[in-house]
Amino acid sequence: CRPGSPTSKAMSPSRSAPLGTLAPVFAALGDRTRLGLVDRLSTDGPLSIARLAAGAPITRQAITKHLRALARAGVVRSARAGREQIWQLEPTPLMHARLCLDRVSDQWDAALGRLRALVENEA
């Protein structure tokens, strides 16, 4: 996940992020409510807190708290639109997290391939 690391073979430095910057992203996404908010924003686009709270099992204040946690991790940002605050996704941190997970997946695929070859050679 880091530039120059063995797992960044196909990732250019401009598209990768140091692991330390990804930890807050993964931590923020590790909460079910926050992950749900990210999913909702990715599906429905920029939304106000009122729209995000509509039909939610938690209060607007709780949603605001979760949105602020996501904002601290750089996953969302807000802008004022009149009296409302509109929240939207920040795609770059999510892209970096996805690339990191892709690298981990590639490592596991390679390790499983080596294990398969070893087992087949011994059989």
Protein backbone atom coordinates (compact mmCIF):
# COMPACT_ATOMS: atom_id res chain seq x y z
CA CYS A 1 0.00 0.00 0.00
CA ARG A 2 3.05 2.22 0.28
CA PRO A 3 4.90 3.62 -2.72
CA GLY A 4 7.94 1.49 -3.41
CA SER A 5 6.70 -1.42 -1.32
CA PRO A 6 6.61 -4.90 -2.86
CA THR A 7 2.83 -4.65 -3.04
CA SER A 8 2.84 -1.48 -5.14
CA LYS A 9 4.23 -3.05 -8.31
CA ALA A 10 1.52 -1.73 -10.64
CA MET A 11 0.55 1.32 -8.61
CA SER A 12 2.16 4.62 -9.44
CA PRO A 13 3.28 6.78 -6.50
CA SER A 14 0.69 9.41 -7.42
CA ARG A 15 -2.12 6.85 -7.04
CA SER A 16 -0.92 5.21 -3.84
CA ALA A 17 -1.08 6.40 -0.26
CA PRO A 18 1.16 5.68 2.71
CA LEU A 19 -0.32 3.10 5.03
CA GLY A 20 -0.46 5.61 7.88
CA THR A 21 -2.89 7.77 5.94
CA LEU A 22 -5.14 4.78 5.24
CA ALA A 23 -5.50 3.63 8.85
CA PRO A 24 -8.03 6.38 9.71
CA VAL A 25 -10.01 5.54 6.57
CA PHE A 26 -10.24 1.86 7.46
CA ALA A 27 -11.03 2.74 11.08
CA ALA A 28 -13.85 5.06 10.01
CA LEU A 29 -15.26 2.45 7.64
CA GLY A 30 -15.09 -0.18 10.38
CA ASP A 31 -18.28 1.12 11.97
CA ARG A 32 -21.56 -0.27 10.61
CA THR A 33 -23.36 3.08 10.74
CA ARG A 34 -20.55 4.96 9.02
CA LEU A 35 -20.24 2.28 6.36
CA GLY A 36 -23.99 2.61 5.79
CA LEU A 37 -23.65 6.38 5.40
CA VAL A 38 -20.87 5.91 2.85
CA ASP A 39 -23.03 3.42 0.98
CA ARG A 40 -25.98 5.80 1.03
CA LEU A 41 -23.87 8.73 -0.19
CA SER A 42 -22.35 6.62 -2.95
CA THR A 43 -25.80 5.49 -4.08
CA ASP A 44 -27.87 8.64 -3.64
CA GLY A 45 -25.22 11.30 -4.10
CA PRO A 46 -24.73 14.38 -1.95
CA LEU A 47 -27.36 14.55 0.81
CA SER A 48 -28.33 16.74 3.71
CA ILE A 49 -28.29 15.41 7.25
CA ALA A 50 -32.09 15.58 7.22
CA ARG A 51 -32.23 13.30 4.18
CA LEU A 52 -29.61 10.95 5.64
CA ALA A 53 -31.59 10.78 8.89
CA ALA A 54 -34.93 10.09 7.21
CA GLY A 55 -35.92 6.54 8.11
CA ALA A 56 -32.66 5.92 9.99
CA PRO A 57 -32.82 4.07 13.31
CA ILE A 58 -30.59 6.71 14.95
CA THR A 59 -30.95 10.43 15.64
CA ARG A 60 -29.77 13.29 13.46
CA GLN A 61 -27.23 14.13 16.16
CA ALA A 62 -25.80 10.61 15.95
CA ILE A 63 -25.64 10.82 12.17
CA THR A 64 -23.85 14.16 12.46
CA LYS A 65 -21.33 12.58 14.85
CA HIS A 66 -20.67 9.73 12.40
CA LEU A 67 -20.35 12.14 9.46
CA ARG A 68 -17.79 14.17 11.40
CA ALA A 69 -15.79 11.01 12.09
CA LEU A 70 -15.87 10.22 8.37
CA ALA A 71 -14.82 13.79 7.59
CA ARG A 72 -11.84 13.56 9.98
CA ALA A 73 -10.76 10.47 8.04
CA GLY A 74 -11.15 12.40 4.78
CA VAL A 75 -13.89 10.13 3.45
CA VAL A 76 -16.63 12.78 3.24
CA ARG A 77 -16.86 16.55 3.12
CA SER A 78 -19.66 19.02 3.60
CA ALA A 79 -20.71 22.32 2.11
CA ARG A 80 -23.37 24.76 3.08
CA ALA A 81 -26.41 25.10 0.83
CA GLY A 82 -28.58 27.75 2.40
CA ARG A 83 -29.49 26.56 5.88
CA GLU A 84 -28.53 22.96 5.18
CA GLN A 85 -25.22 21.21 5.27
CA ILE A 86 -24.81 18.89 2.29
CA TRP A 87 -22.48 15.89 2.66
CA GLN A 88 -20.73 14.09 -0.17
CA LEU A 89 -18.05 11.45 -0.61
CA GLU A 90 -14.40 12.26 -1.14
CA PRO A 91 -13.41 9.59 -3.68
CA THR A 92 -9.61 9.77 -3.34
CA PRO A 93 -9.24 8.16 0.12
CA LEU A 94 -11.70 5.46 -0.88
CA MET A 95 -9.76 4.81 -4.09
CA HIS A 96 -6.51 4.51 -2.12
CA ALA A 97 -8.15 2.09 0.32
CA ARG A 98 -9.48 0.01 -2.57
CA LEU A 99 -6.04 -0.10 -4.20
CA CYS A 100 -4.52 -1.21 -0.91
CA LEU A 101 -7.09 -3.99 -0.57
CA ASP A 102 -6.44 -5.00 -4.18
CA ARG A 103 -2.74 -5.36 -3.35
CA VAL A 104 -3.52 -7.49 -0.29
CA SER A 105 -5.81 -9.64 -2.43
CA ASP A 106 -3.06 -10.03 -5.04
CA GLN A 107 -0.63 -11.13 -2.32
CA TRP A 108 -3.08 -13.77 -1.07
CA ASP A 109 -3.73 -15.00 -4.61
CA ALA A 110 0.02 -15.34 -5.18
CA ALA A 111 0.50 -17.16 -1.85
CA LEU A 112 -2.35 -19.55 -2.63
CA GLY A 113 -0.86 -20.16 -6.09
CA ARG A 114 2.50 -21.02 -4.55
CA LEU A 115 0.82 -23.35 -2.06
CA ARG A 116 -1.17 -25.04 -4.84
CA ALA A 117 2.00 -25.55 -6.89
CA LEU A 118 3.81 -26.97 -3.88
CA VAL A 119 0.99 -29.41 -3.10
CA GLU A 120 0.67 -30.48 -6.74
CA ASN A 121 4.43 -31.03 -7.04
CA GLU A 122 4.48 -33.23 -3.92
CA ALA A 123 1.46 -35.25 -5.01
